[in-house]
C-alpha cells in the first residue's frame, strides 16, 4: 500500500494523539449541546414567568426584579450574572451566576429580597 502523499486519507493514517484529541473535543461538544438542549426553556414558559412576576409585582406581593438584582448582584463579586428565573408558586427568584466553569444558583425571596439558599 502506498503511504506517500497520494495515499487515501483514512482514520488509520491519522496520528493517535490527534484522534484522541478529536474524540475528546467531539465528546465535550456533544455533552455541552445536550446540556443546552435539556436546560433550554421554551419562550412560552419564559413569557409565563414574566407575566406571573409582573402580576405579583403589580399586586404588591413581590419586589421588582431590579430591586432584587441591586441587592444580590453586588454581593457576588467576581461572578458573571447570567439572569433570573421566577417561581410564582414559591414567590422566589433564582438568579444564576457563573464563576469560571461553575454555575451558582441563588434563590431569593421575592417578597423580602433575602437570600434563601445558594448552590453551586
PDB file of N, CA and C in Angstrom:
ATOM      1  N   UNK A   1       0.850  -1.186   0.000  1.00  0.00           N
ATOM      2  CA  UNK A   1       0.000   0.000   0.000  1.00  0.00           C
ATOM      3  C   UNK A   1       0.888   1.238   0.000  1.00  0.00           C
ATOM      4  N   UNK A   2       0.552   2.212  -0.767  1.00  0.00           N
ATOM      5  CA  UNK A   2       1.322   3.450  -0.890  1.00  0.00           C
ATOM      6  C   UNK A   2       0.982   4.374   0.271  1.00  0.00           C
ATOM      7  N   UNK A   3       1.955   4.679   1.131  1.00  0.00           N
ATOM      8  CA  UNK A   3       1.701   5.554   2.285  1.00  0.00           C
ATOM      9  C   UNK A   3       2.296   6.939   2.053  1.00  0.00           C
ATOM     10  N   UNK A   4       2.555   7.295   0.811  1.00  0.00           N
ATOM     11  CA  UNK A   4       3.135   8.597   0.484  1.00  0.00           C
ATOM     12  C   UNK A   4       2.071   9.675   0.438  1.00  0.00           C
ATOM     13  N   UNK A   5       2.382  10.753  -0.252  1.00  0.00           N
ATOM     14  CA  UNK A   5       1.486  11.899  -0.351  1.00  0.00           C
ATOM     15  C   UNK A   5       0.174  11.579  -1.034  1.00  0.00           C
ATOM     16  N   UNK A   6       0.191  10.614  -1.946  1.00  0.00           N
ATOM     17  CA  UNK A   6      -1.001  10.312  -2.719  1.00  0.00           C
ATOM     18  C   UNK A   6      -1.883   9.251  -2.071  1.00  0.00           C
ATOM     19  N   UNK A   7      -1.526   8.804  -0.877  1.00  0.00           N
ATOM     20  CA  UNK A   7      -2.299   7.763  -0.203  1.00  0.00           C
ATOM     21  C   UNK A   7      -3.650   8.339   0.223  1.00  0.00           C
ATOM     22  N   UNK A   8      -4.703   7.507   0.171  1.00  0.00           N
ATOM     23  CA  UNK A   8      -6.020   7.996   0.606  1.00  0.00           C
ATOM     24  C   UNK A   8      -6.016   8.303   2.106  1.00  0.00           C
ATOM     25  N   UNK A   9      -6.857   9.264   2.489  1.00  0.00           N
ATOM     26  CA  UNK A   9      -6.967   9.651   3.899  1.00  0.00           C
ATOM     27  C   UNK A   9      -7.831   8.633   4.619  1.00  0.00           C
ATOM     28  N   UNK A  10      -7.309   8.050   5.668  1.00  0.00           N
ATOM     29  CA  UNK A  10      -8.072   7.101   6.488  1.00  0.00           C
ATOM     30  C   UNK A  10      -7.832   7.417   7.953  1.00  0.00           C
ATOM     31  N   UNK A  11      -8.719   6.921   8.790  1.00  0.00           N
ATOM     32  CA  UNK A  11      -8.524   7.124  10.229  1.00  0.00           C
ATOM     33  C   UNK A  11      -7.220   6.495  10.691  1.00  0.00           C
ATOM     34  N   UNK A  12      -6.843   5.369  10.048  1.00  0.00           N
ATOM     35  CA  UNK A  12      -5.604   4.710  10.419  1.00  0.00           C
ATOM     36  C   UNK A  12      -4.374   5.529  10.089  1.00  0.00           C
ATOM     37  N   UNK A  13      -4.518   6.458   9.130  1.00  0.00           N
ATOM     38  CA  UNK A  13      -3.371   7.270   8.753  1.00  0.00           C
ATOM     39  C   UNK A  13      -3.170   8.451   9.699  1.00  0.00           C
ATOM     40  N   UNK A  14      -4.145   8.725  10.561  1.00  0.00           N
ATOM     41  CA  UNK A  14      -4.030   9.841  11.499  1.00  0.00           C
ATOM     42  C   UNK A  14      -3.189   9.421  12.695  1.00  0.00           C
ATOM     43  N   UNK A  15      -2.487  10.357  13.264  1.00  0.00           N
ATOM     44  CA  UNK A  15      -1.709  10.051  14.459  1.00  0.00           C
ATOM     45  C   UNK A  15      -2.643   9.769  15.623  1.00  0.00           C
ATOM     46  N   UNK A  16      -2.201   8.914  16.526  1.00  0.00           N
ATOM     47  CA  UNK A  16      -3.006   8.506  17.668  1.00  0.00           C
ATOM     48  C   UNK A  16      -3.420   9.700  18.527  1.00  0.00           C
ATOM     49  N   UNK A  17      -2.501  10.599  18.841  1.00  0.00           N
ATOM     50  CA  UNK A  17      -2.800  11.752  19.689  1.00  0.00           C
ATOM     51  C   UNK A  17      -3.847  12.662  19.071  1.00  0.00           C
ATOM     52  N   UNK A  18      -3.774  12.825  17.775  1.00  0.00           N
ATOM     53  CA  UNK A  18      -4.751  13.668  17.089  1.00  0.00           C
ATOM     54  C   UNK A  18      -6.146  13.049  17.187  1.00  0.00           C
ATOM     55  N   UNK A  19      -6.219  11.726  17.016  1.00  0.00           N
ATOM     56  CA  UNK A  19      -7.515  11.047  17.104  1.00  0.00           C
ATOM     57  C   UNK A  19      -8.109  11.193  18.505  1.00  0.00           C
ATOM     58  N   UNK A  20      -7.277  11.029  19.529  1.00  0.00           N
ATOM     59  CA  UNK A  20      -7.754  11.162  20.907  1.00  0.00           C
ATOM     60  C   UNK A  20      -8.237  12.590  21.151  1.00  0.00           C
ATOM     61  N   UNK A  21      -7.477  13.566  20.681  1.00  0.00           N
ATOM     62  CA  UNK A  21      -7.874  14.966  20.850  1.00  0.00           C
ATOM     63  C   UNK A  21      -9.197  15.267  20.173  1.00  0.00           C
ATOM     64  N   UNK A  22      -9.376  14.756  18.969  1.00  0.00           N
ATOM     65  CA  UNK A  22     -10.634  14.971  18.249  1.00  0.00           C
ATOM     66  C   UNK A  22     -11.794  14.289  18.970  1.00  0.00           C
ATOM     67  N   UNK A  23     -11.549  13.086  19.471  1.00  0.00           N
ATOM     68  CA  UNK A  23     -12.589  12.364  20.208  1.00  0.00           C
ATOM     69  C   UNK A  23     -13.007  13.143  21.450  1.00  0.00           C
ATOM     70  N   UNK A  24     -12.044  13.664  22.197  1.00  0.00           N
ATOM     71  CA  UNK A  24     -12.353  14.446  23.391  1.00  0.00           C
ATOM     72  C   UNK A  24     -13.107  15.722  23.029  1.00  0.00           C
ATOM     73  N   UNK A  25     -12.640  16.411  21.992  1.00  0.00           N
ATOM     74  CA  UNK A  25     -13.296  17.649  21.577  1.00  0.00           C
ATOM     75  C   UNK A  25     -14.731  17.373  21.166  1.00  0.00           C
ATOM     76  N   UNK A  26     -14.944  16.330  20.392  1.00  0.00           N
ATOM     77  CA  UNK A  26     -16.300  15.985  19.959  1.00  0.00           C
ATOM     78  C   UNK A  26     -17.167  15.568  21.135  1.00  0.00           C
ATOM     79  N   UNK A  27     -16.594  14.845  22.086  1.00  0.00           N
ATOM     80  CA  UNK A  27     -17.351  14.417  23.267  1.00  0.00           C
ATOM     81  C   UNK A  27     -17.791  15.618  24.093  1.00  0.00           C
ATOM     82  N   UNK A  28     -16.900  16.571  24.273  1.00  0.00           N
ATOM     83  CA  UNK A  28     -17.238  17.787  25.032  1.00  0.00           C
ATOM     84  C   UNK A  28     -18.328  18.559  24.306  1.00  0.00           C
ATOM     85  N   UNK A  29     -18.196  18.682  22.989  1.00  0.00           N
ATOM     86  CA  UNK A  29     -19.208  19.401  22.213  1.00  0.00           C
ATOM     87  C   UNK A  29     -20.574  18.727  22.348  1.00  0.00           C
ATOM     88  N   UNK A  30     -20.613  17.412  22.241  1.00  0.00           N
ATOM     89  CA  UNK A  30     -21.874  16.676  22.355  1.00  0.00           C
ATOM     90  C   UNK A  30     -22.466  16.845  23.752  1.00  0.00           C
ATOM     91  N   UNK A  31     -21.628  16.755  24.774  1.00  0.00           N
ATOM     92  CA  UNK A  31     -22.115  16.901  26.152  1.00  0.00           C
ATOM     93  C   UNK A  31     -22.686  18.305  26.384  1.00  0.00           C
ATOM     94  N   UNK A  32     -21.965  19.333  25.933  1.00  0.00           N
ATOM     95  CA  UNK A  32     -22.453  20.704  26.119  1.00  0.00           C
ATOM     96  C   UNK A  32     -23.731  20.948  25.321  1.00  0.00           C
ATOM     97  N   UNK A  33     -23.810  20.388  24.134  1.00  0.00           N
ATOM     98  CA  UNK A  33     -25.028  20.526  23.331  1.00  0.00           C
ATOM     99  C   UNK A  33     -26.213  19.871  24.030  1.00  0.00           C
ATOM    100  N   UNK A  34     -25.989  18.694  24.596  1.00  0.00           N
ATOM    101  CA  UNK A  34     -27.070  18.003  25.304  1.00  0.00           C
ATOM    102  C   UNK A  34     -27.536  18.806  26.511  1.00  0.00           C
ATOM    103  N   UNK A  35     -26.599  19.360  27.251  1.00  0.00           N
ATOM    104  CA  UNK A  35     -26.960  20.177  28.420  1.00  0.00           C
ATOM    105  C   UNK A  35     -27.765  21.385  27.980  1.00  0.00           C
ATOM    106  N   UNK A  36     -27.318  22.041  26.915  1.00  0.00           N
ATOM    107  CA  UNK A  36     -28.031  23.222  26.418  1.00  0.00           C
ATOM    108  C   UNK A  36     -29.452  22.865  26.002  1.00  0.00           C
ATOM    109  N   UNK A  37     -29.619  21.739  25.332  1.00  0.00           N
ATOM    110  CA  UNK A  37     -30.954  21.335  24.902  1.00  0.00           C
ATOM    111  C   UNK A  37     -31.847  20.965  26.082  1.00  0.00           C
ATOM    112  N   UNK A  38     -31.269  20.301  27.074  1.00  0.00           N
ATOM    113  CA  UNK A  38     -32.062  19.866  28.216  1.00  0.00           C
ATOM    114  C   UNK A  38     -32.450  21.025  29.130  1.00  0.00           C
ATOM    115  N   UNK A  39     -31.602  22.054  29.199  1.00  0.00           N
ATOM    116  CA  UNK A  39     -31.888  23.163  30.108  1.00  0.00           C
ATOM    117  C   UNK A  39     -32.570  24.336  29.430  1.00  0.00           C
ATOM    118  N   UNK A  40     -32.714  24.270  28.115  1.00  0.00           N
ATOM    119  CA  UNK A  40     -33.365  25.369  27.398  1.00  0.00           C
ATOM    120  C   UNK A  40     -34.832  25.448  27.827  1.00  0.00           C
ATOM    121  N   UNK A  41     -35.270  26.647  28.086  1.00  0.00           N
ATOM    122  CA  UNK A  41     -36.657  26.866  28.490  1.00  0.00           C
ATOM    123  C   UNK A  41     -37.391  27.435  27.284  1.00  0.00           C
ATOM    124  N   UNK A  42     -38.500  26.833  26.886  1.00  0.00           N
ATOM    125  CA  UNK A  42     -39.245  27.369  25.753  1.00  0.00           C
ATOM    126  C   UNK A  42     -39.656  28.812  26.011  1.00  0.00           C
ATOM    127  N   UNK A  43     -39.716  29.597  24.948  1.00  0.00           N
ATOM    128  CA  UNK A  43     -40.041  31.014  25.105  1.00  0.00           C
ATOM    129  C   UNK A  43     -41.414  31.209  25.730  1.00  0.00           C
ATOM    130  N   UNK A  44     -42.341  30.271  25.483  1.00  0.00           N
ATOM    131  CA  UNK A  44     -43.671  30.393  26.096  1.00  0.00           C
ATOM    132  C   UNK A  44     -43.577  30.294  27.616  1.00  0.00           C
ATOM    133  N   UNK A  45     -42.706  29.413  28.108  1.00  0.00           N
ATOM    134  CA  UNK A  45     -42.542  29.262  29.560  1.00  0.00           C
ATOM    135  C   UNK A  45     -41.936  30.527  30.150  1.00  0.00           C
ATOM    136  N   UNK A  46     -40.943  31.101  29.461  1.00  0.00           N
ATOM    137  CA  UNK A  46     -40.336  32.342  29.963  1.00  0.00           C
ATOM    138  C   UNK A  46     -41.361  33.462  29.978  1.00  0.00           C
ATOM    139  N   UNK A  47     -42.179  33.528  28.932  1.00  0.00           N
ATOM    140  CA  UNK A  47     -43.207  34.560  28.869  1.00  0.00           C
ATOM    141  C   UNK A  47     -44.166  34.383  30.036  1.00  0.00           C
ATOM    142  N   UNK A  48     -44.512  33.154  30.369  1.00  0.00           N
ATOM    143  CA  UNK A  48     -45.387  32.893  31.502  1.00  0.00           C
ATOM    144  C   UNK A  48     -44.769  33.343  32.805  1.00  0.00           C
ATOM    145  N   UNK A  49     -43.458  33.095  32.976  1.00  0.00           N
ATOM    146  CA  UNK A  49     -42.751  33.549  34.177  1.00  0.00           C
ATOM    147  C   UNK A  49     -42.802  35.070  34.272  1.00  0.00           C
ATOM    148  N   UNK A  50     -42.563  35.732  33.159  1.00  0.00           N
ATOM    149  CA  UNK A  50     -42.573  37.196  33.155  1.00  0.00           C
ATOM    150  C   UNK A  50     -43.954  37.730  33.498  1.00  0.00           C
ATOM    151  N   UNK A  51     -44.972  37.129  32.922  1.00  0.00           N
ATOM    152  CA  UNK A  51     -46.343  37.571  33.207  1.00  0.00           C
ATOM    153  C   UNK A  51     -46.700  37.352  34.675  1.00  0.00           C
ATOM    154  N   UNK A  52     -46.316  36.177  35.206  1.00  0.00           N
ATOM    155  CA  UNK A  52     -46.587  35.888  36.614  1.00  0.00           C
ATOM    156  C   UNK A  52     -45.870  36.880  37.525  1.00  0.00           C
ATOM    157  N   UNK A  53     -44.607  37.145  37.227  1.00  0.00           N
ATOM    158  CA  UNK A  53     -43.833  38.090  38.044  1.00  0.00           C
ATOM    159  C   UNK A  53     -44.449  39.485  37.973  1.00  0.00           C
ATOM    160  N   UNK A  54     -44.844  39.894  36.779  1.00  0.00           N
ATOM    161  CA  UNK A  54     -45.440  41.228  36.609  1.00  0.00           C
ATOM    162  C   UNK A  54     -46.741  41.338  37.401  1.00  0.00           C
ATOM    163  N   UNK A  55     -47.585  40.309  37.335  1.00  0.00           N
ATOM    164  CA  UNK A  55     -48.852  40.332  38.075  1.00  0.00           C
ATOM    165  C   UNK A  55     -48.606  40.408  39.578  1.00  0.00           C
ATOM    166  N   UNK A  56     -47.668  39.602  40.074  1.00  0.00           N
ATOM    167  CA  UNK A  56     -47.359  39.625  41.508  1.00  0.00           C
ATOM    168  C   UNK A  56     -46.782  40.975  41.926  1.00  0.00           C
ATOM    169  N   UNK A  57     -45.957  41.578  41.057  1.00  0.00           N
ATOM    170  CA  UNK A  57     -45.356  42.869  41.391  1.00  0.00           C
ATOM    171  C   UNK A  57     -46.421  43.966  41.416  1.00  0.00           C
ATOM    172  N   UNK A  58     -47.286  43.982  40.404  1.00  0.00           N
ATOM    173  CA  UNK A  58     -48.347  44.999  40.342  1.00  0.00           C
ATOM    174  C   UNK A  58     -49.276  44.869  41.543  1.00  0.00           C
ATOM    175  N   UNK A  59     -49.516  43.651  41.978  1.00  0.00           N
ATOM    176  CA  UNK A  59     -50.383  43.422  43.137  1.00  0.00           C
ATOM    177  C   UNK A  59     -49.675  43.747  44.451  1.00  0.00           C
ATOM    178  N   UNK A  60     -48.379  44.048  44.393  1.00  0.00           N
ATOM    179  CA  UNK A  60     -47.639  44.407  45.604  1.00  0.00           C
ATOM    180  C   UNK A  60     -47.181  43.212  46.422  1.00  0.00           C
ATOM    181  N   UNK A  61     -47.230  42.026  45.834  1.00  0.00           N
ATOM    182  CA  UNK A  61     -46.826  40.832  46.578  1.00  0.00           C
ATOM    183  C   UNK A  61     -45.311  40.612  46.568  1.00  0.00           C
ATOM    184  N   UNK A  62     -44.626  41.129  45.547  1.00  0.00           N
ATOM    185  CA  UNK A  62     -43.172  40.918  45.452  1.00  0.00           C
ATOM    186  C   UNK A  62     -42.467  42.212  45.068  1.00  0.00           C
ATOM    187  N   UNK A  63     -41.143  42.212  45.291  1.00  0.00           N
ATOM    188  CA  UNK A  63     -40.313  43.349  44.874  1.00  0.00           C
ATOM    189  C   UNK A  63     -40.038  43.251  43.377  1.00  0.00           C
ATOM    190  N   UNK A  64     -39.727  44.372  42.788  1.00  0.00           N
ATOM    191  CA  UNK A  64     -39.346  44.400  41.377  1.00  0.00           C
ATOM    192  C   UNK A  64     -37.994  43.728  41.206  1.00  0.00           C
ATOM    193  N   UNK A  65     -37.801  43.062  40.071  1.00  0.00           N
ATOM    194  CA  UNK A  65     -36.548  42.367  39.798  1.00  0.00           C
ATOM    195  C   UNK A  65     -35.336  43.295  39.892  1.00  0.00           C
ATOM    196  N   UNK A  66     -35.382  44.519  39.356  1.00  0.00           N
ATOM    197  CA  UNK A  66     -34.212  45.398  39.504  1.00  0.00           C
ATOM    198  C   UNK A  66     -33.842  45.681  40.967  1.00  0.00           C
ATOM    199  N   UNK A  67     -34.834  45.723  41.851  1.00  0.00           N
ATOM    200  CA  UNK A  67     -34.545  45.901  43.285  1.00  0.00           C
ATOM    201  C   UNK A  67     -33.795  44.688  43.831  1.00  0.00           C
ATOM    202  N   UNK A  68     -34.271  43.494  43.451  1.00  0.00           N
ATOM    203  CA  UNK A  68     -33.632  42.250  43.897  1.00  0.00           C
ATOM    204  C   UNK A  68     -32.200  42.191  43.363  1.00  0.00           C
ATOM    205  N   UNK A  69     -32.042  42.482  42.076  1.00  0.00           N
ATOM    206  CA  UNK A  69     -30.708  42.437  41.454  1.00  0.00           C
ATOM    207  C   UNK A  69     -29.767  43.450  42.108  1.00  0.00           C
ATOM    208  N   UNK A  70     -30.283  44.613  42.465  1.00  0.00           N
ATOM    209  CA  UNK A  70     -29.441  45.635  43.108  1.00  0.00           C
ATOM    210  C   UNK A  70     -28.929  45.168  44.467  1.00  0.00           C
ATOM    211  N   UNK A  71     -29.667  44.291  45.118  1.00  0.00           N
ATOM    212  CA  UNK A  71     -29.251  43.748  46.418  1.00  0.00           C
ATOM    213  C   UNK A  71     -28.252  42.610  46.241  1.00  0.00           C
ATOM    214  N   UNK A  72     -28.547  41.688  45.308  1.00  0.00           N
ATOM    215  CA  UNK A  72     -27.806  40.432  45.212  1.00  0.00           C
ATOM    216  C   UNK A  72     -26.566  40.511  44.321  1.00  0.00           C
ATOM    217  N   UNK A  73     -26.678  41.104  43.155  1.00  0.00           N
ATOM    218  CA  UNK A  73     -25.565  41.090  42.189  1.00  0.00           C
ATOM    219  C   UNK A  73     -24.275  41.662  42.781  1.00  0.00           C
ATOM    220  N   UNK A  74     -24.307  42.788  43.506  1.00  0.00           N
ATOM    221  CA  UNK A  74     -23.043  43.296  44.072  1.00  0.00           C
ATOM    222  C   UNK A  74     -22.393  42.346  45.084  1.00  0.00           C
ATOM    223  N   UNK A  75     -23.190  41.491  45.718  1.00  0.00           N
ATOM    224  CA  UNK A  75     -22.637  40.529  46.683  1.00  0.00           C
ATOM    225  C   UNK A  75     -21.850  39.408  46.001  1.00  0.00           C
ATOM    226  N   UNK A  76     -22.102  39.181  44.722  1.00  0.00           N
ATOM    227  CA  UNK A  76     -21.498  38.066  44.001  1.00  0.00           C
ATOM    228  C   UNK A  76     -20.267  38.556  43.230  1.00  0.00           C
ATOM    229  N   UNK A  77     -19.322  39.115  43.964  1.00  0.00           N
ATOM    230  CA  UNK A  77     -18.124  39.704  43.358  1.00  0.00           C
ATOM    231  C   UNK A  77     -17.358  38.682  42.524  1.00  0.00           C
ATOM    232  N   UNK A  78     -16.894  39.129  41.372  1.00  0.00           N
ATOM    233  CA  UNK A  78     -16.079  38.292  40.506  1.00  0.00           C
ATOM    234  C   UNK A  78     -16.864  37.277  39.695  1.00  0.00           C
ATOM    235  N   UNK A  79     -18.184  37.307  39.788  1.00  0.00           N
ATOM    236  CA  UNK A  79     -19.004  36.352  39.053  1.00  0.00           C
ATOM    237  C   UNK A  79     -19.799  37.085  37.976  1.00  0.00           C
ATOM    238  N   UNK A  80     -20.055  36.393  36.895  1.00  0.00           N
ATOM    239  CA  UNK A  80     -20.856  36.960  35.810  1.00  0.00           C
ATOM    240  C   UNK A  80     -22.312  36.591  36.032  1.00  0.00           C
ATOM    241  N   UNK A  81     -23.183  37.579  35.973  1.00  0.00           N
ATOM    242  CA  UNK A  81     -24.617  37.362  36.164  1.00  0.00           C
ATOM    243  C   UNK A  81     -25.223  36.868  34.857  1.00  0.00           C
ATOM    244  N   UNK A  82     -25.914  35.729  34.903  1.00  0.00           N
ATOM    245  CA  UNK A  82     -26.496  35.139  33.705  1.00  0.00           C
ATOM    246  C   UNK A  82     -27.969  35.494  33.526  1.00  0.00           C
ATOM    247  N   UNK A  83     -28.671  35.747  34.638  1.00  0.00           N
ATOM    248  CA  UNK A  83     -30.078  36.108  34.518  1.00  0.00           C
ATOM    249  C   UNK A  83     -30.945  35.429  35.559  1.00  0.00           C
ATOM    250  N   UNK A  84     -32.242  35.805  35.571  1.00  0.00           N
ATOM    251  CA  UNK A  84     -33.164  35.288  36.583  1.00  0.00           C
ATOM    252  C   UNK A  84     -34.148  34.267  36.030  1.00  0.00           C
ATOM    253  N   UNK A  85     -34.764  33.537  36.939  1.00  0.00           N
ATOM    254  CA  UNK A  85     -35.978  32.757  36.707  1.00  0.00           C
ATOM    255  C   UNK A  85     -36.908  33.130  37.855  1.00  0.00           C
ATOM    256  N   UNK A  86     -38.200  32.951  37.642  1.00  0.00           N
ATOM    257  CA  UNK A  86     -39.153  33.275  38.700  1.00  0.00           C
ATOM    258  C   UNK A  86     -40.090  32.096  38.909  1.00  0.00           C
ATOM    259  N   UNK A  87     -40.297  31.729  40.169  1.00  0.00           N
ATOM    260  CA  UNK A  87     -41.238  30.665  40.533  1.00  0.00           C
ATOM    261  C   UNK A  87     -42.426  31.334  41.219  1.00  0.00           C
ATOM    262  N   UNK A  88     -43.547  31.468  40.512  1.00  0.00           N
ATOM    263  CA  UNK A  88     -44.688  32.183  41.095  1.00  0.00           C
ATOM    264  C   UNK A  88     -45.317  31.458  42.277  1.00  0.00           C
ATOM    265  N   UNK A  89     -45.267  30.139  42.297  1.00  0.00           N
ATOM    266  CA  UNK A  89     -45.872  29.395  43.408  1.00  0.00           C
ATOM    267  C   UNK A  89     -45.129  29.672  44.707  1.00  0.00           C
ATOM    268  N   UNK A  90     -43.800  29.699  44.641  1.00  0.00           N
ATOM    269  CA  UNK A  90     -42.992  29.935  45.840  1.00  0.00           C
ATOM    270  C   UNK A  90     -42.660  31.411  46.027  1.00  0.00           C
ATOM    271  N   UNK A  91     -42.927  32.231  45.026  1.00  0.00           N
ATOM    272  CA  UNK A  91     -42.536  33.645  45.009  1.00  0.00           C
ATOM    273  C   UNK A  91     -41.041  33.778  45.293  1.00  0.00           C
ATOM    274  N   UNK A  92     -40.274  33.082  44.452  1.00  0.00           N
ATOM    275  CA  UNK A  92     -38.814  33.043  44.590  1.00  0.00           C
ATOM    276  C   UNK A  92     -38.178  33.338  43.239  1.00  0.00           C
ATOM    277  N   UNK A  93     -37.201  34.226  43.272  1.00  0.00           N
ATOM    278  CA  UNK A  93     -36.355  34.441  42.104  1.00  0.00           C
ATOM    279  C   UNK A  93     -35.143  33.530  42.238  1.00  0.00           C
ATOM    280  N   UNK A  94     -34.739  32.910  41.142  1.00  0.00           N
ATOM    281  CA  UNK A  94     -33.474  32.165  41.109  1.00  0.00           C
ATOM    282  C   UNK A  94     -32.557  32.951  40.180  1.00  0.00           C
ATOM    283  N   UNK A  95     -31.516  33.539  40.776  1.00  0.00           N
ATOM    284  CA  UNK A  95     -30.532  34.283  39.996  1.00  0.00           C
ATOM    285  C   UNK A  95     -29.368  33.360  39.692  1.00  0.00           C
ATOM    286  N   UNK A  96     -28.939  33.352  38.432  1.00  0.00           N
ATOM    287  CA  UNK A  96     -27.874  32.451  38.008  1.00  0.00           C
ATOM    288  C   UNK A  96     -26.601  33.247  37.738  1.00  0.00           C
ATOM    289  N   UNK A  97     -25.496  32.722  38.257  1.00  0.00           N
ATOM    290  CA  UNK A  97     -24.179  33.330  38.077  1.00  0.00           C
ATOM    291  C   UNK A  97     -23.210  32.261  37.589  1.00  0.00           C
ATOM    292  N   UNK A  98     -22.116  32.707  36.969  1.00  0.00           N
ATOM    293  CA  UNK A  98     -21.072  31.773  36.577  1.00  0.00           C
ATOM    294  C   UNK A  98     -19.741  32.310  37.071  1.00  0.00           C
ATOM    295  N   UNK A  99     -18.932  31.394  37.592  1.00  0.00           N
ATOM    296  CA  UNK A  99     -17.598  31.725  38.085  1.00  0.00           C
ATOM    297  C   UNK A  99     -16.648  30.687  37.492  1.00  0.00           C
ATOM    298  N   UNK A 100     -15.949  31.056  36.426  1.00  0.00           N
ATOM    299  CA  UNK A 100     -15.119  30.083  35.721  1.00  0.00           C
ATOM    300  C   UNK A 100     -16.018  29.071  35.040  1.00  0.00           C
ATOM    301  N   UNK A 101     -15.917  27.826  35.433  1.00  0.00           N
ATOM    302  CA  UNK A 101     -16.755  26.784  34.840  1.00  0.00           C
ATOM    303  C   UNK A 101     -17.890  26.370  35.776  1.00  0.00           C
ATOM    304  N   UNK A 102     -18.016  27.048  36.904  1.00  0.00           N
ATOM    305  CA  UNK A 102     -19.025  26.688  37.908  1.00  0.00           C
ATOM    306  C   UNK A 102     -20.235  27.608  37.826  1.00  0.00           C
ATOM    307  N   UNK A 103     -21.431  27.030  37.788  1.00  0.00           N
ATOM    308  CA  UNK A 103     -22.675  27.810  37.792  1.00  0.00           C
ATOM    309  C   UNK A 103     -23.210  27.831  39.211  1.00  0.00           C
ATOM    310  N   UNK A 104     -23.554  29.025  39.676  1.00  0.00           N
ATOM    311  CA  UNK A 104     -24.066  29.209  41.037  1.00  0.00           C
ATOM    312  C   UNK A 104     -25.514  29.699  40.936  1.00  0.00           C
ATOM    313  N   UNK A 105     -26.406  29.057  41.684  1.00  0.00           N
ATOM    314  CA  UNK A 105     -27.803  29.457  41.751  1.00  0.00           C
ATOM    315  C   UNK A 105     -28.063  30.105  43.106  1.00  0.00           C
ATOM    316  N   UNK A 106     -28.659  31.280  43.076  1.00  0.00           N
ATOM    317  CA  UNK A 106     -29.003  31.985  44.311  1.00  0.00           C
ATOM    318  C   UNK A 106     -30.518  32.155  44.322  1.00  0.00           C
ATOM    319  N   UNK A 107     -31.178  31.492  45.273  1.00  0.00           N
ATOM    320  CA  UNK A 107     -32.625  31.609  45.416  1.00  0.00           C
ATOM    321  C   UNK A 107     -32.923  32.751  46.379  1.00  0.00           C
ATOM    322  N   UNK A 108     -33.781  33.670  45.919  1.00  0.00           N
ATOM    323  CA  UNK A 108     -34.063  34.889  46.666  1.00  0.00           C
ATOM    324  C   UNK A 108     -35.563  35.006  46.886  1.00  0.00           C
ATOM    325  N   UNK A 109     -35.955  35.272  48.133  1.00  0.00           N
ATOM    326  CA  UNK A 109     -37.361  35.519  48.457  1.00  0.00           C
ATOM    327  C   UNK A 109     -37.782  36.805  47.744  1.00  0.00           C
ATOM    328  N   UNK A 110     -38.738  36.694  46.820  1.00  0.00           N
ATOM    329  CA  UNK A 110     -39.156  37.849  46.017  1.00  0.00           C
ATOM    330  C   UNK A 110     -39.928  38.877  46.849  1.00  0.00           C
ATOM    331  N   UNK A 111     -40.418  38.482  48.017  1.00  0.00           N
ATOM    332  CA  UNK A 111     -41.155  39.424  48.870  1.00  0.00           C
ATOM    333  C   UNK A 111     -40.217  40.316  49.668  1.00  0.00           C
ATOM    334  N   UNK A 112     -39.081  39.730  50.115  1.00  0.00           N
ATOM    335  CA  UNK A 112     -38.188  40.461  51.022  1.00  0.00           C
ATOM    336  C   UNK A 112     -36.834  40.801  50.406  1.00  0.00           C
ATOM    337  N   UNK A 113     -36.408  40.037  49.408  1.00  0.00           N
ATOM    338  CA  UNK A 113     -35.075  40.228  48.838  1.00  0.00           C
ATOM    339  C   UNK A 113     -33.999  39.461  49.594  1.00  0.00           C
ATOM    340  N   UNK A 114     -34.393  38.656  50.567  1.00  0.00           N
ATOM    341  CA  UNK A 114     -33.426  37.876  51.344  1.00  0.00           C
ATOM    342  C   UNK A 114     -33.026  36.610  50.581  1.00  0.00           C
ATOM    343  N   UNK A 115     -31.746  36.244  50.710  1.00  0.00           N
ATOM    344  CA  UNK A 115     -31.264  35.010  50.097  1.00  0.00           C
ATOM    345  C   UNK A 115     -31.803  33.832  50.912  1.00  0.00           C
ATOM    346  N   UNK A 116     -32.426  32.893  50.221  1.00  0.00           N
ATOM    347  CA  UNK A 116     -32.954  31.686  50.858  1.00  0.00           C
ATOM    348  C   UNK A 116     -31.898  30.598  50.850  1.00  0.00           C
ATOM    349  N   UNK A 117     -31.263  30.408  49.688  1.00  0.00           N
ATOM    350  CA  UNK A 117     -30.196  29.400  49.593  1.00  0.00           C
ATOM    351  C   UNK A 117     -29.310  29.744  48.392  1.00  0.00           C
ATOM    352  N   UNK A 118     -28.098  29.226  48.462  1.00  0.00           N
ATOM    353  CA  UNK A 118     -27.122  29.416  47.390  1.00  0.00           C
ATOM    354  C   UNK A 118     -26.502  28.058  47.102  1.00  0.00           C
ATOM    355  N   UNK A 119     -26.538  27.635  45.843  1.00  0.00           N
ATOM    356  CA  UNK A 119     -25.983  26.320  45.472  1.00  0.00           C
ATOM    357  C   UNK A 119     -25.074  26.472  44.271  1.00  0.00           C
ATOM    358  N   UNK A 120     -24.071  25.593  44.225  1.00  0.00           N
ATOM    359  CA  UNK A 120     -23.184  25.568  43.050  1.00  0.00           C
ATOM    360  C   UNK A 120     -21.780  25.556  43.352  1.00  0.00           C
TER     361      UNK A 120
END
